Amino acid sequence: VESGPLPGVDLDDLDHLLSGAVRDPFGAIHPSFMGGEYLPPLRKDEVEIARVELESTTGDVTSIRAAKEGDLITYSIVDEYDTEFDVSPASSAEPLTLVELVTMLDGASEGESLALVYTEMNYAGNESRGDLESLKSFTRVESQIYPALAEHHRKLTESWYRREKKRLTGEASAES
């Protein structure tokens, strides 16, 4: 058997067909297996530099991407719902530092941190200690390029958790 491209078959089409054939049975088991499957495809010369994963029913994913365009590196943030994100900086001459990436994520959703906005959204209106505990791990931020990003997010979430727990405890004391 000869290896290599199949005559007359575009490998990008083949990847799409294979992923659908593999993806659909997993989605039938549980929608969480579909997480990230509906992200826009990476453009030519584009890489994912970080991602935000949610423990939602459908395992939603937001992808932070970089692409080389001439002398610049351009950045984009995409999800499976065509959400408009604020991307700043939109480009740079050098790769982002960890601080610059954190700053980008912290302002990407109408001035809210992508690392917390989904957790806070799911917590709003359901404010109880049980909900607070369950949402502590709702959002996960990961990066193979910036491994310290996950630790930063963990600390940010822990700080949010302590604030909310203190607020709930204060409200419970006031009701007594």
C-alpha atoms as a PDB file:
ATOM      1  CA  VAL A   1       0.000   0.000   0.000  1.00  0.00           C
ATOM      2  CA  GLU A   2       1.361   3.358  -1.001  1.00  0.00           C
ATOM      3  CA  SER A   3       1.239   6.097   1.619  1.00  0.00           C
ATOM      4  CA  GLY A   4       0.573   9.739   0.896  1.00  0.00           C
ATOM      5  CA  PRO A   5      -2.256  11.835  -0.507  1.00  0.00           C
ATOM      6  CA  LEU A   6      -5.052  10.102  -2.351  1.00  0.00           C
ATOM      7  CA  PRO A   7      -5.379  11.151  -5.993  1.00  0.00           C
ATOM      8  CA  GLY A   8      -8.205  13.663  -6.414  1.00  0.00           C
ATOM      9  CA  VAL A   9      -8.886  14.006  -2.672  1.00  0.00           C
ATOM     10  CA  ASP A  10      -8.333  17.300  -0.882  1.00  0.00           C
ATOM     11  CA  LEU A  11      -6.872  16.387   2.526  1.00  0.00           C
ATOM     12  CA  ASP A  12      -8.764  19.253   4.181  1.00  0.00           C
ATOM     13  CA  ASP A  13     -12.014  17.687   2.958  1.00  0.00           C
ATOM     14  CA  LEU A  14     -10.865  14.281   4.188  1.00  0.00           C
ATOM     15  CA  ASP A  15     -10.106  15.654   7.661  1.00  0.00           C
ATOM     16  CA  HIS A  16     -13.579  17.181   7.805  1.00  0.00           C
ATOM     17  CA  LEU A  17     -15.255  13.953   6.688  1.00  0.00           C
ATOM     18  CA  LEU A  18     -13.311  11.851   9.151  1.00  0.00           C
ATOM     19  CA  SER A  19     -13.942  14.173  12.053  1.00  0.00           C
ATOM     20  CA  GLY A  20     -17.682  14.141  11.331  1.00  0.00           C
ATOM     21  CA  ALA A  21     -17.741  10.357  11.077  1.00  0.00           C
ATOM     22  CA  VAL A  22     -15.943  10.073  14.386  1.00  0.00           C
ATOM     23  CA  ARG A  23     -17.568  13.081  16.046  1.00  0.00           C
ATOM     24  CA  ASP A  24     -21.238  12.261  15.554  1.00  0.00           C
ATOM     25  CA  PRO A  25     -21.342   8.964  17.481  1.00  0.00           C
ATOM     26  CA  PHE A  26     -19.627  10.618  20.443  1.00  0.00           C
ATOM     27  CA  GLY A  27     -22.101  13.496  20.338  1.00  0.00           C
ATOM     28  CA  ALA A  28     -24.925  10.961  20.444  1.00  0.00           C
ATOM     29  CA  ILE A  29     -23.488   9.581  23.692  1.00  0.00           C
ATOM     30  CA  HIS A  30     -23.336  13.016  25.344  1.00  0.00           C
ATOM     31  CA  PRO A  31     -23.147  16.583  23.986  1.00  0.00           C
ATOM     32  CA  SER A  32     -20.091  17.338  26.131  1.00  0.00           C
ATOM     33  CA  PHE A  33     -18.060  15.225  23.702  1.00  0.00           C
ATOM     34  CA  MET A  34     -18.736  17.920  21.092  1.00  0.00           C
ATOM     35  CA  GLY A  35     -16.680  20.567  22.902  1.00  0.00           C
ATOM     36  CA  GLY A  36     -14.629  22.535  20.404  1.00  0.00           C
ATOM     37  CA  GLU A  37     -15.826  20.547  17.406  1.00  0.00           C
ATOM     38  CA  TYR A  38     -17.690  23.532  15.996  1.00  0.00           C
ATOM     39  CA  LEU A  39     -14.924  26.085  16.357  1.00  0.00           C
ATOM     40  CA  PRO A  40     -13.988  27.781  13.092  1.00  0.00           C
ATOM     41  CA  PRO A  41     -11.081  25.929  11.471  1.00  0.00           C
ATOM     42  CA  LEU A  42      -7.615  27.347  11.945  1.00  0.00           C
ATOM     43  CA  ARG A  43      -6.592  29.571   9.064  1.00  0.00           C
ATOM     44  CA  LYS A  44      -3.387  28.946   7.159  1.00  0.00           C
ATOM     45  CA  ASP A  45      -0.404  29.727   9.409  1.00  0.00           C
ATOM     46  CA  GLU A  46      -2.662  30.158  12.458  1.00  0.00           C
ATOM     47  CA  VAL A  47      -2.111  28.396  15.788  1.00  0.00           C
ATOM     48  CA  GLU A  48      -4.090  28.171  18.991  1.00  0.00           C
ATOM     49  CA  ILE A  49      -2.126  29.796  21.803  1.00  0.00           C
ATOM     50  CA  ALA A  50      -4.698  29.248  24.562  1.00  0.00           C
ATOM     51  CA  ARG A  51      -8.215  27.993  25.113  1.00  0.00           C
ATOM     52  CA  VAL A  52     -11.038  28.464  27.563  1.00  0.00           C
ATOM     53  CA  GLU A  53     -13.043  25.288  28.185  1.00  0.00           C
ATOM     54  CA  LEU A  54     -16.356  25.188  30.026  1.00  0.00           C
ATOM     55  CA  GLU A  55     -17.894  22.319  31.959  1.00  0.00           C
ATOM     56  CA  SER A  56     -21.174  23.129  30.239  1.00  0.00           C
ATOM     57  CA  THR A  57     -23.516  20.513  28.819  1.00  0.00           C
ATOM     58  CA  THR A  58     -21.991  20.980  25.383  1.00  0.00           C
ATOM     59  CA  GLY A  59     -18.399  21.484  26.579  1.00  0.00           C
ATOM     60  CA  ASP A  60     -18.128  24.947  25.027  1.00  0.00           C
ATOM     61  CA  VAL A  61     -14.685  26.159  23.968  1.00  0.00           C
ATOM     62  CA  THR A  62     -13.226  29.581  23.208  1.00  0.00           C
ATOM     63  CA  SER A  63      -9.973  29.580  21.244  1.00  0.00           C
ATOM     64  CA  ILE A  64      -7.298  32.281  21.399  1.00  0.00           C
ATOM     65  CA  ARG A  65      -5.269  32.243  18.189  1.00  0.00           C
ATOM     66  CA  ALA A  66      -2.206  33.815  16.615  1.00  0.00           C
ATOM     67  CA  ALA A  67      -1.192  34.052  12.959  1.00  0.00           C
ATOM     68  CA  LYS A  68       1.875  35.451  11.248  1.00  0.00           C
ATOM     69  CA  GLU A  69       0.935  38.176   8.776  1.00  0.00           C
ATOM     70  CA  GLY A  70       3.954  39.868   7.252  1.00  0.00           C
ATOM     71  CA  ASP A  71       6.105  41.284  10.032  1.00  0.00           C
ATOM     72  CA  LEU A  72       3.298  41.077  12.588  1.00  0.00           C
ATOM     73  CA  ILE A  73       1.594  38.428  14.659  1.00  0.00           C
ATOM     74  CA  THR A  74      -2.174  38.952  14.613  1.00  0.00           C
ATOM     75  CA  TYR A  75      -4.529  37.667  17.285  1.00  0.00           C
ATOM     76  CA  SER A  76      -8.108  36.495  17.296  1.00  0.00           C
ATOM     77  CA  ILE A  77     -10.517  34.994  19.788  1.00  0.00           C
ATOM     78  CA  VAL A  78     -13.228  32.702  18.446  1.00  0.00           C
ATOM     79  CA  ASP A  79     -15.892  30.440  19.854  1.00  0.00           C
ATOM     80  CA  GLU A  80     -18.536  28.120  18.481  1.00  0.00           C
ATOM     81  CA  TYR A  81     -21.206  30.848  18.463  1.00  0.00           C
ATOM     82  CA  ASP A  82     -19.518  33.609  16.414  1.00  0.00           C
ATOM     83  CA  THR A  83     -19.285  35.812  19.512  1.00  0.00           C
ATOM     84  CA  GLU A  84     -17.546  39.155  19.006  1.00  0.00           C
ATOM     85  CA  PHE A  85     -14.609  39.515  21.392  1.00  0.00           C
ATOM     86  CA  ASP A  86     -12.448  42.542  22.124  1.00  0.00           C
ATOM     87  CA  VAL A  87      -8.926  41.600  21.057  1.00  0.00           C
ATOM     88  CA  SER A  88      -6.247  43.930  22.329  1.00  0.00           C
ATOM     89  CA  PRO A  89      -3.628  44.016  21.147  1.00  0.00           C
ATOM     90  CA  ALA A  90      -4.881  42.961  17.739  1.00  0.00           C
ATOM     91  CA  SER A  91      -1.281  42.452  16.635  1.00  0.00           C
ATOM     92  CA  SER A  92       2.306  42.643  17.829  1.00  0.00           C
ATOM     93  CA  ALA A  93       5.799  42.406  16.407  1.00  0.00           C
ATOM     94  CA  GLU A  94       6.840  39.827  19.019  1.00  0.00           C
ATOM     95  CA  PRO A  95       4.893  36.994  20.670  1.00  0.00           C
ATOM     96  CA  LEU A  96       2.793  38.088  23.626  1.00  0.00           C
ATOM     97  CA  THR A  97       4.254  37.794  27.080  1.00  0.00           C
ATOM     98  CA  LEU A  98       2.180  35.960  29.672  1.00  0.00           C
ATOM     99  CA  VAL A  99       1.163  39.309  31.177  1.00  0.00           C
ATOM    100  CA  GLU A 100       0.054  40.582  27.754  1.00  0.00           C
ATOM    101  CA  LEU A 101      -1.988  37.428  27.122  1.00  0.00           C
ATOM    102  CA  VAL A 102      -3.622  37.690  30.554  1.00  0.00           C
ATOM    103  CA  THR A 103      -4.417  41.356  29.843  1.00  0.00           C
ATOM    104  CA  MET A 104      -5.967  40.356  26.507  1.00  0.00           C
ATOM    105  CA  LEU A 105      -8.125  37.697  28.173  1.00  0.00           C
ATOM    106  CA  ASP A 106      -9.079  40.034  31.015  1.00  0.00           C
ATOM    107  CA  GLY A 107     -10.569  42.578  28.601  1.00  0.00           C
ATOM    108  CA  ALA A 108     -11.938  40.305  25.894  1.00  0.00           C
ATOM    109  CA  SER A 109     -15.588  40.150  26.928  1.00  0.00           C
ATOM    110  CA  GLU A 110     -16.925  43.685  27.316  1.00  0.00           C
ATOM    111  CA  GLY A 111     -14.157  44.437  29.782  1.00  0.00           C
ATOM    112  CA  GLU A 112     -14.723  41.188  31.669  1.00  0.00           C
ATOM    113  CA  SER A 113     -12.179  38.411  31.977  1.00  0.00           C
ATOM    114  CA  LEU A 114     -12.791  35.398  29.761  1.00  0.00           C
ATOM    115  CA  ALA A 115     -11.346  33.424  32.633  1.00  0.00           C
ATOM    116  CA  LEU A 116     -14.313  34.342  34.872  1.00  0.00           C
ATOM    117  CA  VAL A 117     -17.173  35.725  32.780  1.00  0.00           C
ATOM    118  CA  TYR A 118     -18.749  32.319  32.095  1.00  0.00           C
ATOM    119  CA  THR A 119     -18.459  31.222  35.720  1.00  0.00           C
ATOM    120  CA  GLU A 120     -20.037  34.466  36.909  1.00  0.00           C
ATOM    121  CA  MET A 121     -22.790  34.213  34.283  1.00  0.00           C
ATOM    122  CA  ASN A 122     -23.721  30.728  35.445  1.00  0.00           C
ATOM    123  CA  TYR A 123     -23.586  31.769  39.089  1.00  0.00           C
ATOM    124  CA  ALA A 124     -25.751  34.880  38.760  1.00  0.00           C
ATOM    125  CA  GLY A 125     -29.263  34.252  40.016  1.00  0.00           C
ATOM    126  CA  ASN A 126     -28.375  30.842  41.485  1.00  0.00           C
ATOM    127  CA  GLU A 127     -26.339  32.135  44.360  1.00  0.00           C
ATOM    128  CA  SER A 128     -26.009  29.411  46.953  1.00  0.00           C
ATOM    129  CA  ARG A 129     -23.058  27.676  48.538  1.00  0.00           C
ATOM    130  CA  GLY A 130     -23.755  24.520  46.527  1.00  0.00           C
ATOM    131  CA  ASP A 131     -23.762  26.455  43.275  1.00  0.00           C
ATOM    132  CA  LEU A 132     -20.615  28.261  44.310  1.00  0.00           C
ATOM    133  CA  GLU A 133     -18.823  24.968  44.984  1.00  0.00           C
ATOM    134  CA  SER A 134     -19.937  23.414  41.705  1.00  0.00           C
ATOM    135  CA  LEU A 135     -18.839  26.435  39.681  1.00  0.00           C
ATOM    136  CA  LYS A 136     -15.368  26.572  41.178  1.00  0.00           C
ATOM    137  CA  SER A 137     -14.125  24.352  38.346  1.00  0.00           C
ATOM    138  CA  PHE A 138     -16.632  25.410  35.663  1.00  0.00           C
ATOM    139  CA  THR A 139     -14.088  27.295  33.541  1.00  0.00           C
ATOM    140  CA  ARG A 140     -10.662  25.950  32.648  1.00  0.00           C
ATOM    141  CA  VAL A 141      -8.025  28.022  30.852  1.00  0.00           C
ATOM    142  CA  GLU A 142      -5.172  26.137  29.223  1.00  0.00           C
ATOM    143  CA  SER A 143      -2.193  26.782  27.009  1.00  0.00           C
ATOM    144  CA  GLN A 144       0.660  24.591  25.873  1.00  0.00           C
ATOM    145  CA  ILE A 145       2.599  27.718  24.916  1.00  0.00           C
ATOM    146  CA  TYR A 146       1.902  29.584  28.175  1.00  0.00           C
ATOM    147  CA  PRO A 147       1.742  26.847  30.834  1.00  0.00           C
ATOM    148  CA  ALA A 148       1.586  29.394  33.693  1.00  0.00           C
ATOM    149  CA  LEU A 149      -1.738  30.666  32.310  1.00  0.00           C
ATOM    150  CA  ALA A 150      -3.626  27.799  33.960  1.00  0.00           C
ATOM    151  CA  GLU A 151      -2.138  28.659  37.355  1.00  0.00           C
ATOM    152  CA  HIS A 152      -3.036  32.326  36.917  1.00  0.00           C
ATOM    153  CA  HIS A 153      -6.614  31.323  36.117  1.00  0.00           C
ATOM    154  CA  ARG A 154      -6.756  28.983  39.101  1.00  0.00           C
ATOM    155  CA  LYS A 155      -5.682  31.843  41.389  1.00  0.00           C
ATOM    156  CA  LEU A 156      -8.165  34.237  39.788  1.00  0.00           C
ATOM    157  CA  THR A 157     -10.984  31.733  40.264  1.00  0.00           C
ATOM    158  CA  GLU A 158      -9.935  31.028  43.841  1.00  0.00           C
ATOM    159  CA  SER A 159      -9.988  34.750  44.611  1.00  0.00           C
ATOM    160  CA  TRP A 160     -13.472  35.063  43.086  1.00  0.00           C
ATOM    161  CA  TYR A 161     -14.618  32.011  45.042  1.00  0.00           C
ATOM    162  CA  ARG A 162     -13.370  33.434  48.366  1.00  0.00           C
ATOM    163  CA  ARG A 163     -15.067  36.806  47.689  1.00  0.00           C
ATOM    164  CA  GLU A 164     -18.376  35.155  46.841  1.00  0.00           C
ATOM    165  CA  LYS A 165     -18.183  32.754  49.778  1.00  0.00           C
ATOM    166  CA  LYS A 166     -17.499  35.672  52.130  1.00  0.00           C
ATOM    167  CA  ARG A 167     -20.413  37.597  50.611  1.00  0.00           C
ATOM    168  CA  LEU A 168     -22.738  34.600  51.020  1.00  0.00           C
ATOM    169  CA  THR A 169     -21.571  34.017  54.576  1.00  0.00           C
ATOM    170  CA  GLY A 170     -22.129  37.702  55.349  1.00  0.00           C
ATOM    171  CA  GLU A 171     -25.649  37.556  53.908  1.00  0.00           C
ATOM    172  CA  ALA A 172     -26.419  34.405  55.894  1.00  0.00           C
ATOM    173  CA  SER A 173     -25.198  36.107  59.110  1.00  0.00           C
ATOM    174  CA  ALA A 174     -27.298  39.206  58.391  1.00  0.00           C
ATOM    175  CA  GLU A 175     -30.434  37.051  57.933  1.00  0.00           C
ATOM    176  CA  SER A 176     -29.971  35.371  61.353  1.00  0.00           C
END
